[in-house]
Every structure is written in C-alpha cells, then in structure tokens.
Amino acid sequence: MVKFGRNKLKALNKLAKKQNVSTNSTATATNKVIKKKLNADKKVTFQKEVLLRKSAESPLVKKVSAEEIILNELSKKPEPKSKPVRSPTQKKIKPVEKQKKRQKTQISDTKLLINLMKKK
C-alpha cells in the first residue's frame, strides 16, 4: 500500500490552487490534479478501514466498555501540583509623564543653584 502523508496532500492542494488561479490552464490538467487528490483521499480512508478491520479481528485488541474507562479515570489520583515559588519583587515604578519629569528636574536644578548661591 502507498502511504500518503500530509506533505503529499499539501502539495496536491497547492497544485490545485495554482491551476485554478491560472486562466491559461486547460480543463484536462485541472481534472488530473483533482483526480489525483480524490484518489489520495480514497487511499487514506481505505487504509484506515483496513486497519480498523484488522484490529477488530485481532485477539490482542480488547473491547473496553465505557464503565471501565470511567472507573479507571476515577481510580487515578491527580498528582499534586507544586506552585512555583515567586521571589518577592519590588513594585513596578509607573512611568512619569514627560511634563512632570521636566518639572521635577527644573525644581531640583533650581534648588541646587539656590544652595550654591547661599554657600558663596
């Protein structure tokens, strides 16, 4: 069986889009791309069906009822999650508006000048 991955389907989708966009492409070319894409989709679904059939017939596969699944989930205890320890951080200083900043620097400058004048 040939396996089609995502990459191959993506490539086919891109080809289909390119050919739909171009006005010079012929109808037969677009039909070929569409047919390839449909065939690829059919092969993928066929592979899934074959796998399901084989797994249903195999003795290794065990059919589990919904009750068993629920009971198993209830019996499992969730692991206690440890909270990350945060280091005490300083409060963030809010940014000062430019005008207030200028006023503060002007006031500090004038105070310095006054102190210097008094010293002389």
PDB file of N, CA and C in Angstrom:
ATOM      1  N   MET A   1       0.825  -1.184   0.000  1.00  0.00           N
ATOM      2  CA  MET A   1       0.000   0.000   0.000  1.00  0.00           C
ATOM      3  C   MET A   1       0.870   1.248   0.000  1.00  0.00           C
ATOM      4  N   VAL A   2       0.449   2.253  -0.702  1.00  0.00           N
ATOM      5  CA  VAL A   2       1.184   3.512  -0.744  1.00  0.00           C
ATOM      6  C   VAL A   2       0.642   4.416   0.348  1.00  0.00           C
ATOM      7  N   LYS A   3       1.542   4.968   1.118  1.00  0.00           N
ATOM      8  CA  LYS A   3       1.108   5.852   2.200  1.00  0.00           C
ATOM      9  C   LYS A   3       1.199   7.298   1.735  1.00  0.00           C
ATOM     10  N   PHE A   4       0.141   8.035   1.979  1.00  0.00           N
ATOM     11  CA  PHE A   4       0.124   9.452   1.654  1.00  0.00           C
ATOM     12  C   PHE A   4       0.185  10.241   2.947  1.00  0.00           C
ATOM     13  N   GLY A   5       1.221  11.018   3.092  1.00  0.00           N
ATOM     14  CA  GLY A   5       1.350  11.852   4.276  1.00  0.00           C
ATOM     15  C   GLY A   5       0.734  13.214   4.037  1.00  0.00           C
ATOM     16  N   ARG A   6       0.844  14.045   5.042  1.00  0.00           N
ATOM     17  CA  ARG A   6       0.298  15.395   4.941  1.00  0.00           C
ATOM     18  C   ARG A   6       1.001  16.191   3.852  1.00  0.00           C
ATOM     19  N   ASN A   7       2.309  15.985   3.730  1.00  0.00           N
ATOM     20  CA  ASN A   7       3.082  16.774   2.768  1.00  0.00           C
ATOM     21  C   ASN A   7       2.602  16.545   1.347  1.00  0.00           C
ATOM     22  N   LYS A   8       2.300  15.301   1.024  1.00  0.00           N
ATOM     23  CA  LYS A   8       1.858  14.995  -0.331  1.00  0.00           C
ATOM     24  C   LYS A   8       0.500  15.628  -0.605  1.00  0.00           C
ATOM     25  N   LEU A   9      -0.399  15.562   0.382  1.00  0.00           N
ATOM     26  CA  LEU A   9      -1.713  16.179   0.213  1.00  0.00           C
ATOM     27  C   LEU A   9      -1.592  17.698   0.112  1.00  0.00           C
ATOM     28  N   LYS A  10      -0.683  18.279   0.894  1.00  0.00           N
ATOM     29  CA  LYS A  10      -0.473  19.728   0.816  1.00  0.00           C
ATOM     30  C   LYS A  10       0.024  20.118  -0.566  1.00  0.00           C
ATOM     31  N   ALA A  11       0.944  19.320  -1.093  1.00  0.00           N
ATOM     32  CA  ALA A  11       1.480  19.607  -2.424  1.00  0.00           C
ATOM     33  C   ALA A  11       0.378  19.525  -3.471  1.00  0.00           C
ATOM     34  N   LEU A  12      -0.479  18.527  -3.350  1.00  0.00           N
ATOM     35  CA  LEU A  12      -1.593  18.406  -4.297  1.00  0.00           C
ATOM     36  C   LEU A  12      -2.554  19.583  -4.170  1.00  0.00           C
ATOM     37  N   ASN A  13      -2.803  20.028  -2.946  1.00  0.00           N
ATOM     38  CA  ASN A  13      -3.679  21.187  -2.751  1.00  0.00           C
ATOM     39  C   ASN A  13      -3.087  22.436  -3.384  1.00  0.00           C
ATOM     40  N   LYS A  14      -1.768  22.628  -3.212  1.00  0.00           N
ATOM     41  CA  LYS A  14      -1.113  23.792  -3.813  1.00  0.00           C
ATOM     42  C   LYS A  14      -1.205  23.751  -5.326  1.00  0.00           C
ATOM     43  N   LEU A  15      -0.970  22.561  -5.886  1.00  0.00           N
ATOM     44  CA  LEU A  15      -1.080  22.425  -7.339  1.00  0.00           C
ATOM     45  C   LEU A  15      -2.483  22.764  -7.814  1.00  0.00           C
ATOM     46  N   ALA A  16      -3.472  22.297  -7.090  1.00  0.00           N
ATOM     47  CA  ALA A  16      -4.859  22.561  -7.476  1.00  0.00           C
ATOM     48  C   ALA A  16      -5.153  24.054  -7.422  1.00  0.00           C
ATOM     49  N   LYS A  17      -4.657  24.730  -6.377  1.00  0.00           N
ATOM     50  CA  LYS A  17      -4.888  26.170  -6.261  1.00  0.00           C
ATOM     51  C   LYS A  17      -4.204  26.930  -7.387  1.00  0.00           C
ATOM     52  N   LYS A  18      -2.943  26.552  -7.678  1.00  0.00           N
ATOM     53  CA  LYS A  18      -2.213  27.234  -8.747  1.00  0.00           C
ATOM     54  C   LYS A  18      -2.929  27.081 -10.075  1.00  0.00           C
ATOM     55  N   GLN A  19      -3.419  25.893 -10.329  1.00  0.00           N
ATOM     56  CA  GLN A  19      -4.070  25.664 -11.616  1.00  0.00           C
ATOM     57  C   GLN A  19      -5.438  26.325 -11.671  1.00  0.00           C
ATOM     58  N   ASN A  20      -6.086  26.485 -10.544  1.00  0.00           N
ATOM     59  CA  ASN A  20      -7.357  27.199 -10.538  1.00  0.00           C
ATOM     60  C   ASN A  20      -7.140  28.690 -10.753  1.00  0.00           C
ATOM     61  N   VAL A  21      -6.031  29.218 -10.252  1.00  0.00           N
ATOM     62  CA  VAL A  21      -5.739  30.640 -10.387  1.00  0.00           C
ATOM     63  C   VAL A  21      -5.351  30.982 -11.820  1.00  0.00           C
ATOM     64  N   SER A  22      -4.521  30.160 -12.414  1.00  0.00           N
ATOM     65  CA  SER A  22      -4.062  30.465 -13.765  1.00  0.00           C
ATOM     66  C   SER A  22      -5.201  30.252 -14.763  1.00  0.00           C
ATOM     67  N   THR A  23      -5.425  31.243 -15.607  1.00  0.00           N
ATOM     68  CA  THR A  23      -6.526  31.170 -16.573  1.00  0.00           C
ATOM     69  C   THR A  23      -6.127  30.399 -17.816  1.00  0.00           C
ATOM     70  N   ASN A  24      -4.834  30.250 -18.075  1.00  0.00           N
ATOM     71  CA  ASN A  24      -4.362  29.580 -19.283  1.00  0.00           C
ATOM     72  C   ASN A  24      -4.383  28.057 -19.170  1.00  0.00           C
ATOM     73  N   SER A  25      -4.608  27.520 -17.979  1.00  0.00           N
ATOM     74  CA  SER A  25      -4.565  26.064 -17.820  1.00  0.00           C
ATOM     75  C   SER A  25      -5.788  25.430 -18.469  1.00  0.00           C
ATOM     76  N   THR A  26      -5.573  24.230 -18.973  1.00  0.00           N
ATOM     77  CA  THR A  26      -6.662  23.530 -19.651  1.00  0.00           C
ATOM     78  C   THR A  26      -7.497  22.764 -18.642  1.00  0.00           C
ATOM     79  N   ALA A  27      -8.676  22.376 -19.059  1.00  0.00           N
ATOM     80  CA  ALA A  27      -9.586  21.654 -18.175  1.00  0.00           C
ATOM     81  C   ALA A  27      -9.048  20.268 -17.852  1.00  0.00           C
ATOM     82  N   THR A  28      -8.322  19.667 -18.790  1.00  0.00           N
ATOM     83  CA  THR A  28      -7.805  18.321 -18.545  1.00  0.00           C
ATOM     84  C   THR A  28      -6.747  18.326 -17.450  1.00  0.00           C
ATOM     85  N   ALA A  29      -5.920  19.376 -17.416  1.00  0.00           N
ATOM     86  CA  ALA A  29      -4.874  19.449 -16.395  1.00  0.00           C
ATOM     87  C   ALA A  29      -5.503  19.567 -15.011  1.00  0.00           C
ATOM     88  N   THR A  30      -6.522  20.400 -14.889  1.00  0.00           N
ATOM     89  CA  THR A  30      -7.159  20.557 -13.579  1.00  0.00           C
ATOM     90  C   THR A  30      -7.879  19.276 -13.189  1.00  0.00           C
ATOM     91  N   ASN A  31      -8.468  18.612 -14.162  1.00  0.00           N
ATOM     92  CA  ASN A  31      -9.150  17.354 -13.866  1.00  0.00           C
ATOM     93  C   ASN A  31      -8.166  16.306 -13.360  1.00  0.00           C
ATOM     94  N   LYS A  32      -6.959  16.284 -13.928  1.00  0.00           N
ATOM     95  CA  LYS A  32      -5.957  15.315 -13.491  1.00  0.00           C
ATOM     96  C   LYS A  32      -5.572  15.552 -12.037  1.00  0.00           C
ATOM     97  N   VAL A  33      -5.384  16.825 -11.691  1.00  0.00           N
ATOM     98  CA  VAL A  33      -4.999  17.143 -10.317  1.00  0.00           C
ATOM     99  C   VAL A  33      -6.124  16.776  -9.358  1.00  0.00           C
ATOM    100  N   ILE A  34      -7.349  17.092  -9.755  1.00  0.00           N
ATOM    101  CA  ILE A  34      -8.495  16.766  -8.904  1.00  0.00           C
ATOM    102  C   ILE A  34      -8.623  15.254  -8.738  1.00  0.00           C
ATOM    103  N   LYS A  35      -8.405  14.516  -9.824  1.00  0.00           N
ATOM    104  CA  LYS A  35      -8.473  13.055  -9.746  1.00  0.00           C
ATOM    105  C   LYS A  35      -7.396  12.506  -8.815  1.00  0.00           C
ATOM    106  N   LYS A  36      -6.168  13.066  -8.912  1.00  0.00           N
ATOM    107  CA  LYS A  36      -5.089  12.618  -8.034  1.00  0.00           C
ATOM    108  C   LYS A  36      -5.451  12.862  -6.573  1.00  0.00           C
ATOM    109  N   LYS A  37      -6.022  14.033  -6.322  1.00  0.00           N
ATOM    110  CA  LYS A  37      -6.387  14.382  -4.955  1.00  0.00           C
ATOM    111  C   LYS A  37      -7.470  13.438  -4.429  1.00  0.00           C
ATOM    112  N   LEU A  38      -8.475  13.165  -5.245  1.00  0.00           N
ATOM    113  CA  LEU A  38      -9.548  12.256  -4.833  1.00  0.00           C
ATOM    114  C   LEU A  38      -9.017  10.850  -4.588  1.00  0.00           C
ATOM    115  N   ASN A  39      -8.124  10.394  -5.466  1.00  0.00           N
ATOM    116  CA  ASN A  39      -7.534   9.066  -5.289  1.00  0.00           C
ATOM    117  C   ASN A  39      -6.727   8.987  -3.994  1.00  0.00           C
ATOM    118  N   ALA A  40      -5.987  10.052  -3.710  1.00  0.00           N
ATOM    119  CA  ALA A  40      -5.195  10.074  -2.478  1.00  0.00           C
ATOM    120  C   ALA A  40      -6.111  10.008  -1.262  1.00  0.00           C
ATOM    121  N   ASP A  41      -7.210  10.771  -1.294  1.00  0.00           N
ATOM    122  CA  ASP A  41      -8.162  10.736  -0.180  1.00  0.00           C
ATOM    123  C   ASP A  41      -8.764   9.346  -0.024  1.00  0.00           C
ATOM    124  N   LYS A  42      -9.092   8.714  -1.145  1.00  0.00           N
ATOM    125  CA  LYS A  42      -9.672   7.369  -1.090  1.00  0.00           C
ATOM    126  C   LYS A  42      -8.686   6.377  -0.484  1.00  0.00           C
ATOM    127  N   LYS A  43      -7.406   6.485  -0.870  1.00  0.00           N
ATOM    128  CA  LYS A  43      -6.399   5.564  -0.351  1.00  0.00           C
ATOM    129  C   LYS A  43      -6.238   5.725   1.156  1.00  0.00           C
ATOM    130  N   VAL A  44      -6.269   6.973   1.612  1.00  0.00           N
ATOM    131  CA  VAL A  44      -6.109   7.216   3.047  1.00  0.00           C
ATOM    132  C   VAL A  44      -7.285   6.624   3.813  1.00  0.00           C
ATOM    133  N   THR A  45      -8.505   6.846   3.326  1.00  0.00           N
ATOM    134  CA  THR A  45      -9.670   6.295   4.023  1.00  0.00           C
ATOM    135  C   THR A  45      -9.666   4.773   3.948  1.00  0.00           C
ATOM    136  N   PHE A  46      -9.232   4.232   2.825  1.00  0.00           N
ATOM    137  CA  PHE A  46      -9.160   2.775   2.679  1.00  0.00           C
ATOM    138  C   PHE A  46      -8.172   2.190   3.684  1.00  0.00           C
ATOM    139  N   GLN A  47      -7.024   2.857   3.844  1.00  0.00           N
ATOM    140  CA  GLN A  47      -6.029   2.383   4.811  1.00  0.00           C
ATOM    141  C   GLN A  47      -6.607   2.371   6.220  1.00  0.00           C
ATOM    142  N   LYS A  48      -7.362   3.418   6.557  1.00  0.00           N
ATOM    143  CA  LYS A  48      -7.964   3.477   7.887  1.00  0.00           C
ATOM    144  C   LYS A  48      -8.951   2.331   8.080  1.00  0.00           C
ATOM    145  N   GLU A  49      -9.761   2.076   7.050  1.00  0.00           N
ATOM    146  CA  GLU A  49     -10.738   0.991   7.148  1.00  0.00           C
ATOM    147  C   GLU A  49     -10.045  -0.357   7.321  1.00  0.00           C
ATOM    148  N   VAL A  50      -8.975  -0.578   6.568  1.00  0.00           N
ATOM    149  CA  VAL A  50      -8.240  -1.846   6.665  1.00  0.00           C
ATOM    150  C   VAL A  50      -7.659  -2.013   8.062  1.00  0.00           C
ATOM    151  N   LEU A  51      -7.085  -0.947   8.596  1.00  0.00           N
ATOM    152  CA  LEU A  51      -6.515  -1.022   9.943  1.00  0.00           C
ATOM    153  C   LEU A  51      -7.587  -1.332  10.980  1.00  0.00           C
ATOM    154  N   LEU A  52      -8.745  -0.695  10.835  1.00  0.00           N
ATOM    155  CA  LEU A  52      -9.824  -0.955  11.787  1.00  0.00           C
ATOM    156  C   LEU A  52     -10.300  -2.401  11.711  1.00  0.00           C
ATOM    157  N   ARG A  53     -10.403  -2.923  10.496  1.00  0.00           N
ATOM    158  CA  ARG A  53     -10.844  -4.317  10.338  1.00  0.00           C
ATOM    159  C   ARG A  53      -9.841  -5.279  10.967  1.00  0.00           C
ATOM    160  N   LYS A  54      -8.561  -5.051  10.682  1.00  0.00           N
ATOM    161  CA  LYS A  54      -7.527  -5.939  11.221  1.00  0.00           C
ATOM    162  C   LYS A  54      -7.487  -5.870  12.744  1.00  0.00           C
ATOM    163  N   SER A  55      -7.622  -4.673  13.270  1.00  0.00           N
ATOM    164  CA  SER A  55      -7.559  -4.529  14.727  1.00  0.00           C
ATOM    165  C   SER A  55      -8.777  -5.145  15.396  1.00  0.00           C
ATOM    166  N   ALA A  56      -9.933  -5.102  14.731  1.00  0.00           N
ATOM    167  CA  ALA A  56     -11.140  -5.702  15.316  1.00  0.00           C
ATOM    168  C   ALA A  56     -11.024  -7.219  15.357  1.00  0.00           C
ATOM    169  N   GLU A  57     -10.370  -7.802  14.360  1.00  0.00           N
ATOM    170  CA  GLU A  57     -10.246  -9.253  14.288  1.00  0.00           C
ATOM    171  C   GLU A  57      -9.140  -9.797  15.185  1.00  0.00           C
ATOM    172  N   SER A  58      -8.157  -8.993  15.495  1.00  0.00           N
ATOM    173  CA  SER A  58      -7.004  -9.499  16.241  1.00  0.00           C
ATOM    174  C   SER A  58      -7.377  -9.765  17.697  1.00  0.00           C
ATOM    175  N   PRO A  59      -6.808 -10.830  18.277  1.00  0.00           N
ATOM    176  CA  PRO A  59      -7.119 -11.155  19.682  1.00  0.00           C
ATOM    177  C   PRO A  59      -6.447 -10.202  20.665  1.00  0.00           C
ATOM    178  N   LEU A  60      -5.471  -9.454  20.201  1.00  0.00           N
ATOM    179  CA  LEU A  60      -4.763  -8.541  21.098  1.00  0.00           C
ATOM    180  C   LEU A  60      -5.619  -7.343  21.489  1.00  0.00           C
ATOM    181  N   VAL A  61      -6.523  -6.985  20.584  1.00  0.00           N
ATOM    182  CA  VAL A  61      -7.349  -5.810  20.858  1.00  0.00           C
ATOM    183  C   VAL A  61      -8.461  -6.207  21.811  1.00  0.00           C
ATOM    184  N   LYS A  62      -8.604  -5.433  22.862  1.00  0.00           N
ATOM    185  CA  LYS A  62      -9.618  -5.731  23.864  1.00  0.00           C
ATOM    186  C   LYS A  62     -10.676  -4.641  23.810  1.00  0.00           C
ATOM    187  N   LYS A  63     -11.929  -5.055  23.741  1.00  0.00           N
ATOM    188  CA  LYS A  63     -13.009  -4.074  23.740  1.00  0.00           C
ATOM    189  C   LYS A  63     -13.263  -3.638  25.175  1.00  0.00           C
ATOM    190  N   VAL A  64     -13.215  -2.338  25.370  1.00  0.00           N
ATOM    191  CA  VAL A  64     -13.375  -1.791  26.708  1.00  0.00           C
ATOM    192  C   VAL A  64     -14.699  -1.045  26.762  1.00  0.00           C
ATOM    193  N   SER A  65     -15.463  -1.331  27.789  1.00  0.00           N
ATOM    194  CA  SER A  65     -16.744  -0.637  27.914  1.00  0.00           C
ATOM    195  C   SER A  65     -16.523   0.745  28.501  1.00  0.00           C
ATOM    196  N   ALA A  66     -17.511   1.589  28.356  1.00  0.00           N
ATOM    197  CA  ALA A  66     -17.410   2.958  28.858  1.00  0.00           C
ATOM    198  C   ALA A  66     -17.296   2.976  30.373  1.00  0.00           C
ATOM    199  N   GLU A  67     -17.937   2.017  31.043  1.00  0.00           N
ATOM    200  CA  GLU A  67     -17.875   1.966  32.505  1.00  0.00           C
ATOM    201  C   GLU A  67     -16.447   1.729  32.985  1.00  0.00           C
ATOM    202  N   GLU A  68     -15.741   0.828  32.323  1.00  0.00           N
ATOM    203  CA  GLU A  68     -14.361   0.537  32.725  1.00  0.00           C
ATOM    204  C   GLU A  68     -13.483   1.768  32.565  1.00  0.00           C
ATOM    205  N   ILE A  69     -13.696   2.492  31.497  1.00  0.00           N
ATOM    206  CA  ILE A  69     -12.900   3.702  31.272  1.00  0.00           C
ATOM    207  C   ILE A  69     -13.162   4.714  32.374  1.00  0.00           C
ATOM    208  N   ILE A  70     -14.439   4.897  32.720  1.00  0.00           N
ATOM    209  CA  ILE A  70     -14.793   5.862  33.762  1.00  0.00           C
ATOM    210  C   ILE A  70     -14.201   5.446  35.103  1.00  0.00           C
ATOM    211  N   LEU A  71     -14.296   4.152  35.425  1.00  0.00           N
ATOM    212  CA  LEU A  71     -13.752   3.674  36.692  1.00  0.00           C
ATOM    213  C   LEU A  71     -12.240   3.841  36.751  1.00  0.00           C
ATOM    214  N   ASN A  72     -11.570   3.586  35.644  1.00  0.00           N
ATOM    215  CA  ASN A  72     -10.116   3.759  35.616  1.00  0.00           C
ATOM    216  C   ASN A  72      -9.734   5.217  35.823  1.00  0.00           C
ATOM    217  N   GLU A  73     -10.495   6.109  35.228  1.00  0.00           N
ATOM    218  CA  GLU A  73     -10.184   7.530  35.383  1.00  0.00           C
ATOM    219  C   GLU A  73     -10.418   7.983  36.813  1.00  0.00           C
ATOM    220  N   LEU A  74     -11.460   7.428  37.465  1.00  0.00           N
ATOM    221  CA  LEU A  74     -11.738   7.811  38.846  1.00  0.00           C
ATOM    222  C   LEU A  74     -10.694   7.259  39.806  1.00  0.00           C
ATOM    223  N   SER A  75     -10.168   6.082  39.501  1.00  0.00           N
ATOM    224  CA  SER A  75      -9.199   5.472  40.400  1.00  0.00           C
ATOM    225  C   SER A  75      -7.847   6.185  40.352  1.00  0.00           C
ATOM    226  N   LYS A  76      -7.560   6.813  39.245  1.00  0.00           N
ATOM    227  CA  LYS A  76      -6.295   7.537  39.135  1.00  0.00           C
ATOM    228  C   LYS A  76      -6.383   8.824  39.944  1.00  0.00           C
ATOM    229  N   LYS A  77      -5.399   9.033  40.794  1.00  0.00           N
ATOM    230  CA  LYS A  77      -5.366  10.261  41.583  1.00  0.00           C
ATOM    231  C   LYS A  77      -4.511  11.286  40.853  1.00  0.00           C
ATOM    232  N   PRO A  78      -4.992  12.502  40.780  1.00  0.00           N
ATOM    233  CA  PRO A  78      -4.175  13.522  40.124  1.00  0.00           C
ATOM    234  C   PRO A  78      -2.945  13.840  40.967  1.00  0.00           C
ATOM    235  N   GLU A  79      -1.850  14.043  40.309  1.00  0.00           N
ATOM    236  CA  GLU A  79      -0.609  14.357  41.009  1.00  0.00           C
ATOM    237  C   GLU A  79      -0.699  15.768  41.575  1.00  0.00           C
ATOM    238  N   PRO A  80      -0.270  15.945  42.817  1.00  0.00           N
ATOM    239  CA  PRO A  80      -0.341  17.295  43.394  1.00  0.00           C
ATOM    240  C   PRO A  80       0.623  18.219  42.659  1.00  0.00           C
ATOM    241  N   LYS A  81       0.087  19.324  42.258  1.00  0.00           N
ATOM    242  CA  LYS A  81       0.914  20.284  41.526  1.00  0.00           C
ATOM    243  C   LYS A  81       1.540  21.252  42.518  1.00  0.00           C
ATOM    244  N   SER A  82       2.830  21.408  42.414  1.00  0.00           N
ATOM    245  CA  SER A  82       3.511  22.338  43.301  1.00  0.00           C
ATOM    246  C   SER A  82       3.518  23.719  42.658  1.00  0.00           C
ATOM    247  N   LYS A  83       3.158  24.695  43.465  1.00  0.00           N
ATOM    248  CA  LYS A  83       3.120  26.057  42.949  1.00  0.00           C
ATOM    249  C   LYS A  83       4.543  26.606  42.901  1.00  0.00           C
ATOM    250  N   PRO A  84       4.893  27.269  41.836  1.00  0.00           N
ATOM    251  CA  PRO A  84       6.236  27.843  41.765  1.00  0.00           C
ATOM    252  C   PRO A  84       6.380  28.974  42.784  1.00  0.00           C
ATOM    253  N   VAL A  85       7.508  28.982  43.478  1.00  0.00           N
ATOM    254  CA  VAL A  85       7.747  29.994  44.496  1.00  0.00           C
ATOM    255  C   VAL A  85       8.205  31.272  43.806  1.00  0.00           C
ATOM    256  N   ARG A  86       7.455  32.323  44.093  1.00  0.00           N
ATOM    257  CA  ARG A  86       7.805  33.615  43.491  1.00  0.00           C
ATOM    258  C   ARG A  86       8.675  34.396  44.464  1.00  0.00           C
ATOM    259  N   SER A  87       9.722  34.952  43.943  1.00  0.00           N
ATOM    260  CA  SER A  87      10.578  35.767  44.785  1.00  0.00           C
ATOM    261  C   SER A  87       9.910  37.127  44.967  1.00  0.00           C
ATOM    262  N   PRO A  88      10.011  37.689  46.161  1.00  0.00           N
ATOM    263  CA  PRO A  88       9.364  38.986  46.378  1.00  0.00           C
ATOM    264  C   PRO A  88      10.022  40.044  45.498  1.00  0.00           C
ATOM    265  N   THR A  89       9.230  40.643  44.683  1.00  0.00           N
ATOM    266  CA  THR A  89       9.764  41.639  43.756  1.00  0.00           C
ATOM    267  C   THR A  89       9.285  43.019  44.165  1.00  0.00           C
ATOM    268  N   GLN A  90      10.045  43.994  43.772  1.00  0.00           N
ATOM    269  CA  GLN A  90       9.656  45.365  44.068  1.00  0.00           C
ATOM    270  C   GLN A  90       8.511  45.768  43.166  1.00  0.00           C
ATOM    271  N   LYS A  91       7.739  46.718  43.659  1.00  0.00           N
ATOM    272  CA  LYS A  91       6.633  47.194  42.851  1.00  0.00           C
ATOM    273  C   LYS A  91       7.186  47.935  41.646  1.00  0.00           C
ATOM    274  N   LYS A  92       6.494  47.774  40.553  1.00  0.00           N
ATOM    275  CA  LYS A  92       6.945  48.437  39.342  1.00  0.00           C
ATOM    276  C   LYS A  92       6.678  49.933  39.449  1.00  0.00           C
ATOM    277  N   ILE A  93       7.661  50.689  39.056  1.00  0.00           N
ATOM    278  CA  ILE A  93       7.513  52.140  39.074  1.00  0.00           C
ATOM    279  C   ILE A  93       6.797  52.552  37.805  1.00  0.00           C
ATOM    280  N   LYS A  94       5.728  53.291  38.002  1.00  0.00           N
ATOM    281  CA  LYS A  94       4.968  53.725  36.842  1.00  0.00           C
ATOM    282  C   LYS A  94       5.759  54.791  36.100  1.00  0.00           C
ATOM    283  N   PRO A  95       5.714  54.772  34.784  1.00  0.00           N
ATOM    284  CA  PRO A  95       6.443  55.784  34.032  1.00  0.00           C
ATOM    285  C   PRO A  95       5.840  57.170  34.255  1.00  0.00           C
ATOM    286  N   VAL A  96       6.730  58.140  34.453  1.00  0.00           N
ATOM    287  CA  VAL A  96       6.296  59.513  34.709  1.00  0.00           C
ATOM    288  C   VAL A  96       6.112  60.212  33.375  1.00  0.00           C
ATOM    289  N   GLU A  97       5.082  61.014  33.312  1.00  0.00           N
ATOM    290  CA  GLU A  97       4.856  61.755  32.078  1.00  0.00           C
ATOM    291  C   GLU A  97       6.003  62.732  31.863  1.00  0.00           C
ATOM    292  N   LYS A  98       6.246  63.079  30.610  1.00  0.00           N
ATOM    293  CA  LYS A  98       7.392  63.920  30.276  1.00  0.00           C
ATOM    294  C   LYS A  98       7.315  65.283  30.954  1.00  0.00           C
ATOM    295  N   GLN A  99       6.118  65.854  30.985  1.00  0.00           N
ATOM    296  CA  GLN A  99       5.977  67.188  31.556  1.00  0.00           C
ATOM    297  C   GLN A  99       6.315  67.171  33.045  1.00  0.00           C
ATOM    298  N   LYS A 100       5.831  66.194  33.760  1.00  0.00           N
ATOM    299  CA  LYS A 100       6.115  66.093  35.190  1.00  0.00           C
ATOM    300  C   LYS A 100       7.597  65.848  35.421  1.00  0.00           C
ATOM    301  N   LYS A 101       8.184  65.058  34.549  1.00  0.00           N
ATOM    302  CA  LYS A 101       9.604  64.762  34.672  1.00  0.00           C
ATOM    303  C   LYS A 101      10.430  66.036  34.495  1.00  0.00           C
ATOM    304  N   ARG A 102      10.051  66.817  33.491  1.00  0.00           N
ATOM    305  CA  ARG A 102      10.756  68.084  33.248  1.00  0.00           C
ATOM    306  C   ARG A 102      10.621  69.020  34.444  1.00  0.00           C
ATOM    307  N   GLN A 103       9.399  69.099  34.982  1.00  0.00           N
ATOM    308  CA  GLN A 103       9.181  69.977  36.131  1.00  0.00           C
ATOM    309  C   GLN A 103      10.041  69.544  37.309  1.00  0.00           C
ATOM    310  N   LYS A 104      10.131  68.259  37.542  1.00  0.00           N
ATOM    311  CA  LYS A 104      10.934  67.762  38.655  1.00  0.00           C
ATOM    312  C   LYS A 104      12.407  68.103  38.469  1.00  0.00           C
ATOM    313  N   THR A 105      12.896  67.914  37.245  1.00  0.00           N
ATOM    314  CA  THR A 105      14.312  68.233  37.001  1.00  0.00           C
ATOM    315  C   THR A 105      14.561  69.731  37.139  1.00  0.00           C
ATOM    316  N   GLN A 106      13.627  70.549  36.695  1.00  0.00           N
ATOM    317  CA  GLN A 106      13.789  72.006  36.830  1.00  0.00           C
ATOM    318  C   GLN A 106      13.812  72.411  38.297  1.00  0.00           C
ATOM    319  N   ILE A 107      12.924  71.827  39.083  1.00  0.00           N
ATOM    320  CA  ILE A 107      12.875  72.149  40.512  1.00  0.00           C
ATOM    321  C   ILE A 107      14.169  71.733  41.193  1.00  0.00           C
ATOM    322  N   SER A 108      14.652  70.544  40.881  1.00  0.00           N
ATOM    323  CA  SER A 108      15.896  70.084  41.504  1.00  0.00           C
ATOM    324  C   SER A 108      17.074  70.960  41.080  1.00  0.00           C
ATOM    325  N   ASP A 109      17.089  71.389  39.823  1.00  0.00           N
ATOM    326  CA  ASP A 109      18.157  72.274  39.348  1.00  0.00           C
ATOM    327  C   ASP A 109      18.117  73.614  40.070  1.00  0.00           C
ATOM    328  N   THR A 110      16.932  74.171  40.235  1.00  0.00           N
ATOM    329  CA  THR A 110      16.827  75.471  40.922  1.00  0.00           C
ATOM    330  C   THR A 110      17.241  75.343  42.380  1.00  0.00           C
ATOM    331  N   LYS A 111      16.895  74.253  43.029  1.00  0.00           N
ATOM    332  CA  LYS A 111      17.303  74.048  44.425  1.00  0.00           C
ATOM    333  C   LYS A 111      18.819  73.973  44.536  1.00  0.00           C
ATOM    334  N   LEU A 112      19.443  73.273  43.607  1.00  0.00           N
ATOM    335  CA  LEU A 112      20.906  73.193  43.606  1.00  0.00           C
ATOM    336  C   LEU A 112      21.533  74.571  43.416  1.00  0.00           C
ATOM    337  N   LEU A 113      20.979  75.334  42.494  1.00  0.00           N
ATOM    338  CA  LEU A 113      21.502  76.683  42.251  1.00  0.00           C
ATOM    339  C   LEU A 113      21.351  77.565  43.485  1.00  0.00           C
ATOM    340  N   ILE A 114      20.219  77.485  44.142  1.00  0.00           N
ATOM    341  CA  ILE A 114      19.983  78.289  45.349  1.00  0.00           C
ATOM    342  C   ILE A 114      20.973  77.899  46.434  1.00  0.00           C
ATOM    343  N   ASN A 115      21.196  76.597  46.613  1.00  0.00           N
ATOM    344  CA  ASN A 115      22.164  76.136  47.612  1.00  0.00           C
ATOM    345  C   ASN A 115      23.566  76.633  47.289  1.00  0.00           C
ATOM    346  N   LEU A 116      23.939  76.609  46.035  1.00  0.00           N
ATOM    347  CA  LEU A 116      25.264  77.095  45.638  1.00  0.00           C
ATOM    348  C   LEU A 116      25.393  78.599  45.863  1.00  0.00           C
ATOM    349  N   MET A 117      24.323  79.315  45.585  1.00  0.00           N
ATOM    350  CA  MET A 117      24.349  80.773  45.780  1.00  0.00           C
ATOM    351  C   MET A 117      24.491  81.117  47.261  1.00  0.00           C
ATOM    352  N   LYS A 118      23.825  80.368  48.119  1.00  0.00           N
ATOM    353  CA  LYS A 118      23.881  80.635  49.555  1.00  0.00           C
ATOM    354  C   LYS A 118      25.269  80.356  50.111  1.00  0.00           C
ATOM    355  N   LYS A 119      25.944  79.352  49.574  1.00  0.00           N
ATOM    356  CA  LYS A 119      27.268  78.983  50.059  1.00  0.00           C
ATOM    357  C   LYS A 119      28.288  80.065  49.759  1.00  0.00           C
ATOM    358  N   LYS A 120      28.131  80.783  48.679  1.00  0.00           N
ATOM    359  CA  LYS A 120      29.101  81.819  48.316  1.00  0.00           C
ATOM    360  C   LYS A 120      28.840  83.014  49.140  1.00  0.00           C
TER     361      LYS A 120
END
